N, C-alpha and C. Protein backbone atom coordinates (compact mmCIF):
# COMPACT_ATOMS: atom_id res chain seq x y z
N MET A 1 1.72 40.44 -16.98
CA MET A 1 0.10 41.77 -17.14
C MET A 1 -0.61 41.62 -16.43
N ALA A 2 -0.72 40.22 -16.13
CA ALA A 2 -2.60 40.42 -15.38
C ALA A 2 -2.95 41.35 -14.34
N ASP A 3 -1.23 42.06 -13.44
CA ASP A 3 -2.36 42.53 -12.64
C ASP A 3 -2.26 44.36 -13.02
N ASN A 4 -1.97 44.83 -14.54
CA ASN A 4 -2.22 46.06 -14.43
C ASN A 4 -3.98 46.20 -14.95
N VAL A 5 -3.76 47.26 -14.83
CA VAL A 5 -5.64 48.08 -14.33
C VAL A 5 -5.61 49.01 -15.63
N GLU A 6 -6.52 48.41 -15.70
CA GLU A 6 -7.41 49.37 -16.92
C GLU A 6 -6.79 50.61 -16.81
N ILE A 7 -6.41 51.44 -17.90
CA ILE A 7 -6.39 52.80 -17.91
C ILE A 7 -7.50 53.66 -19.06
N LEU A 8 -8.53 54.21 -18.54
CA LEU A 8 -8.20 55.36 -19.59
C LEU A 8 -7.91 56.35 -19.87
N MET A 9 -7.23 56.70 -20.91
CA MET A 9 -6.21 57.75 -21.40
C MET A 9 -7.98 58.89 -22.69
N ARG A 10 -7.84 59.82 -22.26
CA ARG A 10 -8.72 60.46 -23.75
C ARG A 10 -7.25 62.16 -23.95
N PHE A 11 -6.43 61.29 -25.81
CA PHE A 11 -6.02 62.21 -25.97
C PHE A 11 -7.46 63.47 -26.80
N HIS A 12 -5.86 65.26 -26.53
CA HIS A 12 -6.74 66.52 -26.92
C HIS A 12 -6.24 66.28 -28.36
N PRO A 13 -6.13 66.09 -29.16
CA PRO A 13 -5.63 66.48 -30.48
C PRO A 13 -5.72 68.83 -30.33
N ALA A 14 -4.50 69.34 -30.84
CA ALA A 14 -4.76 70.53 -31.56
C ALA A 14 -5.84 70.95 -32.45
N ALA A 15 -6.31 69.50 -32.87
CA ALA A 15 -7.13 69.95 -34.17
C ALA A 15 -7.93 69.05 -33.74
N GLY A 16 -9.13 68.37 -34.22
CA GLY A 16 -10.02 67.52 -34.27
C GLY A 16 -10.59 67.81 -33.20
N GLU A 17 -11.04 65.79 -33.31
CA GLU A 17 -12.11 65.02 -31.72
C GLU A 17 -11.07 64.29 -31.61
N ASP A 18 -11.15 65.06 -29.58
CA ASP A 18 -10.36 63.53 -28.62
C ASP A 18 -10.41 62.25 -29.03
N VAL A 19 -9.90 61.53 -28.40
CA VAL A 19 -9.54 59.99 -29.43
C VAL A 19 -9.83 59.98 -27.72
N SER A 20 -10.25 58.15 -26.68
CA SER A 20 -10.12 57.52 -25.15
C SER A 20 -10.14 56.60 -25.85
N LEU A 21 -8.99 55.95 -25.52
CA LEU A 21 -8.98 54.24 -25.18
C LEU A 21 -8.34 54.08 -23.77
N LEU A 22 -8.89 52.96 -24.00
CA LEU A 22 -8.63 51.04 -22.50
C LEU A 22 -7.51 51.02 -22.29
N SER A 23 -6.36 50.83 -21.89
CA SER A 23 -5.33 50.83 -21.90
C SER A 23 -4.89 49.23 -21.40
N ARG A 24 -4.07 47.73 -20.60
CA ARG A 24 -4.05 46.85 -19.62
C ARG A 24 -2.72 47.55 -19.42
N ASP A 25 -2.02 48.14 -20.04
CA ASP A 25 -0.20 48.61 -20.10
C ASP A 25 0.59 49.08 -19.88
N PHE A 26 -0.26 49.82 -18.93
CA PHE A 26 0.86 50.37 -17.33
C PHE A 26 0.01 49.49 -15.86
N GLY A 27 0.35 49.35 -15.15
CA GLY A 27 0.38 49.24 -13.88
C GLY A 27 -0.62 50.56 -12.91
N GLY A 28 -0.12 51.52 -13.31
CA GLY A 28 -1.66 53.00 -12.39
C GLY A 28 -1.41 54.09 -13.99
N GLU A 29 -1.61 54.87 -12.86
CA GLU A 29 -2.04 56.61 -13.82
C GLU A 29 -0.66 57.03 -13.46
N ARG A 30 -0.02 56.06 -12.27
CA ARG A 30 1.50 57.34 -12.44
C ARG A 30 2.02 57.16 -13.71
N GLU A 31 2.51 55.28 -14.65
CA GLU A 31 2.98 55.49 -14.82
C GLU A 31 2.91 55.01 -16.60
N ALA A 32 1.51 54.85 -16.17
CA ALA A 32 1.19 55.36 -17.97
C ALA A 32 1.44 57.15 -18.00
N ILE A 33 1.05 58.36 -17.03
CA ILE A 33 1.93 59.94 -17.26
C ILE A 33 3.48 59.40 -17.78
N GLU A 34 3.71 58.76 -16.63
CA GLU A 34 5.79 58.50 -17.42
C GLU A 34 6.11 57.99 -18.55
N ALA A 35 5.46 57.33 -19.28
CA ALA A 35 5.14 57.00 -20.57
C ALA A 35 4.74 57.26 -21.20
N ILE A 36 3.95 58.30 -21.03
CA ILE A 36 3.38 59.13 -22.40
C ILE A 36 4.82 60.63 -21.88
N ALA A 37 5.10 60.92 -20.72
CA ALA A 37 5.93 62.39 -20.63
C ALA A 37 7.03 61.91 -21.68
N ARG A 38 7.78 60.36 -21.58
CA ARG A 38 8.60 60.52 -21.97
C ARG A 38 8.54 60.01 -23.63
N ALA A 39 7.50 59.65 -24.07
CA ALA A 39 7.28 59.48 -25.24
C ALA A 39 7.52 61.01 -26.18
N VAL A 40 6.99 61.78 -24.92
CA VAL A 40 7.10 63.45 -25.87
C VAL A 40 7.80 64.02 -25.51
N ASP A 41 8.67 64.23 -24.47
CA ASP A 41 9.94 64.33 -24.68
C ASP A 41 11.24 63.59 -24.89
N GLU A 42 10.80 62.24 -26.14
CA GLU A 42 12.17 61.73 -26.20
C GLU A 42 11.40 62.25 -28.47
N ARG A 43 10.08 62.85 -28.77
CA ARG A 43 10.09 62.79 -29.90
C ARG A 43 9.24 61.88 -30.25
N ARG A 44 9.00 60.66 -29.41
CA ARG A 44 8.35 59.55 -30.39
C ARG A 44 6.37 59.35 -30.25
N SER A 45 6.54 57.99 -30.94
CA SER A 45 5.40 57.87 -30.88
C SER A 45 4.96 56.98 -29.28
N LEU A 46 3.33 56.74 -29.05
CA LEU A 46 3.49 55.98 -27.64
C LEU A 46 2.74 54.85 -28.80
N VAL A 47 3.55 53.81 -27.85
CA VAL A 47 2.93 51.73 -28.99
C VAL A 47 2.58 51.13 -27.40
N LEU A 48 1.08 51.72 -28.04
CA LEU A 48 0.41 50.63 -26.68
C LEU A 48 0.07 48.44 -27.33
N THR A 49 0.26 48.19 -26.24
CA THR A 49 0.37 46.50 -26.83
C THR A 49 -1.50 45.59 -26.59
N ARG A 50 -1.70 46.53 -25.40
CA ARG A 50 -2.89 46.75 -24.73
C ARG A 50 -4.36 47.49 -24.70
N ALA A 51 -4.90 47.78 -26.10
CA ALA A 51 -5.28 49.02 -25.91
C ALA A 51 -6.94 48.58 -26.94
N ARG A 52 -7.41 49.54 -26.69
CA ARG A 52 -8.90 49.67 -26.75
C ARG A 52 -10.00 50.49 -26.99
N TYR A 53 -10.66 51.03 -28.45
CA TYR A 53 -11.70 51.96 -28.36
C TYR A 53 -13.21 51.41 -27.58
N ASP A 54 -13.47 52.60 -26.47
CA ASP A 54 -14.18 52.39 -25.42
C ASP A 54 -15.11 51.34 -25.86
N ARG A 55 -15.69 50.94 -26.54
CA ARG A 55 -17.03 50.23 -26.90
C ARG A 55 -15.93 48.69 -27.92
N GLU A 56 -15.12 48.79 -27.78
CA GLU A 56 -14.54 47.64 -28.55
C GLU A 56 -14.35 47.22 -27.54
N ALA A 57 -14.72 44.87 -27.99
CA ALA A 57 -14.43 44.64 -26.43
C ALA A 57 -12.90 43.96 -26.59
N ALA A 58 -12.46 43.39 -27.63
CA ALA A 58 -11.09 42.72 -27.97
C ALA A 58 -10.05 43.90 -28.11
N GLU A 59 -8.78 43.63 -27.36
CA GLU A 59 -8.48 44.82 -27.25
C GLU A 59 -6.74 44.51 -28.28
N SER A 60 -5.93 45.05 -28.57
CA SER A 60 -5.35 44.54 -29.84
C SER A 60 -4.25 46.00 -30.10
N GLY A 61 -3.10 46.70 -30.35
CA GLY A 61 -2.15 47.13 -30.00
C GLY A 61 -2.33 48.05 -31.50
N MET A 62 -1.72 48.79 -30.34
CA MET A 62 -1.99 50.99 -31.21
C MET A 62 -0.87 51.43 -31.32
N VAL A 63 -0.31 52.02 -32.31
CA VAL A 63 1.03 53.21 -31.96
C VAL A 63 0.23 55.21 -32.20
N ILE A 64 -0.15 55.46 -30.75
CA ILE A 64 -0.44 57.06 -31.06
C ILE A 64 0.75 58.06 -31.42
N ASN A 65 -0.11 59.09 -32.34
CA ASN A 65 1.56 59.88 -33.06
C ASN A 65 1.36 61.46 -31.57
N LEU A 66 2.13 61.17 -30.99
CA LEU A 66 1.41 62.54 -30.10
C LEU A 66 2.84 63.47 -30.69
N ALA A 67 2.71 64.12 -31.61
CA ALA A 67 3.37 65.30 -32.07
C ALA A 67 2.18 66.69 -32.34
N ASN A 68 0.57 65.77 -32.38
CA ASN A 68 -0.21 67.15 -32.75
C ASN A 68 -1.20 66.72 -31.48
N ILE A 69 -0.17 66.44 -30.44
CA ILE A 69 -1.83 66.23 -28.92
C ILE A 69 -1.14 67.36 -28.20
N VAL A 70 -2.62 68.31 -27.70
CA VAL A 70 -2.16 69.45 -27.02
C VAL A 70 -1.58 69.19 -24.68
N PHE A 71 -3.11 68.04 -25.04
CA PHE A 71 -3.09 67.68 -23.66
C PHE A 71 -3.07 66.09 -23.85
N VAL A 72 -3.34 64.65 -22.68
CA VAL A 72 -3.31 63.87 -22.34
C VAL A 72 -5.15 63.74 -20.64
N ARG A 73 -5.46 63.00 -20.84
CA ARG A 73 -5.77 62.25 -19.68
C ARG A 73 -5.96 61.08 -19.70
N VAL A 74 -5.47 60.84 -18.17
CA VAL A 74 -5.49 59.86 -17.50
C VAL A 74 -6.28 59.56 -16.26
N SER A 75 -6.17 58.65 -15.94
CA SER A 75 -7.36 58.19 -15.23
C SER A 75 -7.70 56.70 -15.15
N THR A 76 -8.18 56.20 -14.17
CA THR A 76 -8.24 54.71 -13.66
C THR A 76 -9.93 54.45 -14.01
N LYS A 77 -10.51 56.02 -13.72
CA LYS A 77 -11.96 55.59 -13.86
C LYS A 77 -12.42 54.91 -14.87
N LYS A 78 -13.36 53.91 -15.10
CA LYS A 78 -14.13 54.26 -16.71
C LYS A 78 -14.70 55.62 -17.34
N ASN A 79 -15.58 55.58 -15.49
CA ASN A 79 -16.82 57.02 -16.03
C ASN A 79 -16.13 58.11 -15.48
N ASP A 80 -14.83 58.71 -15.41
CA ASP A 80 -14.31 59.22 -15.02
C ASP A 80 -15.04 60.45 -14.99
N GLY A 81 -14.72 61.41 -14.00
CA GLY A 81 -15.98 63.45 -14.11
C GLY A 81 -15.05 63.52 -14.57
N ASP A 82 -16.01 65.24 -14.12
CA ASP A 82 -14.92 66.21 -14.86
C ASP A 82 -13.47 66.81 -14.38
N THR A 83 -13.81 65.80 -12.71
CA THR A 83 -12.63 66.72 -11.99
C THR A 83 -11.68 65.50 -11.71
N ALA A 84 -12.06 64.96 -12.20
CA ALA A 84 -11.09 63.40 -12.37
C ALA A 84 -10.26 62.72 -12.42
N GLY A 85 -9.25 62.53 -12.23
CA GLY A 85 -7.76 61.90 -13.24
C GLY A 85 -6.82 62.85 -13.44
N GLN A 86 -5.12 62.35 -13.46
CA GLN A 86 -4.71 63.04 -14.09
C GLN A 86 -4.50 63.72 -15.65
N TYR A 87 -3.99 65.13 -15.77
CA TYR A 87 -3.58 65.72 -16.72
C TYR A 87 -2.22 65.79 -16.46
N LEU A 88 -1.82 65.23 -18.58
CA LEU A 88 -0.07 65.49 -18.66
C LEU A 88 -0.48 67.13 -19.61
């Protein structure tokens, strides 16, 4: 897993505030998008084992319930601009 890059994921729920996470669970944007899409298609949660909130230093495991997520933005840039990254 040492080769995995840090992926920024922004989850936009149907209601409430956006949530941004950094994760090293994936080798790149495409792999992250495919895992998220698979979880959505299978109506299950997304499980991350190496994730953290932007301000936290330590990684931990997280389970994200995708049931009320409108869209997810995935980028390899920590400080991405409004036009950077891929959308799901």
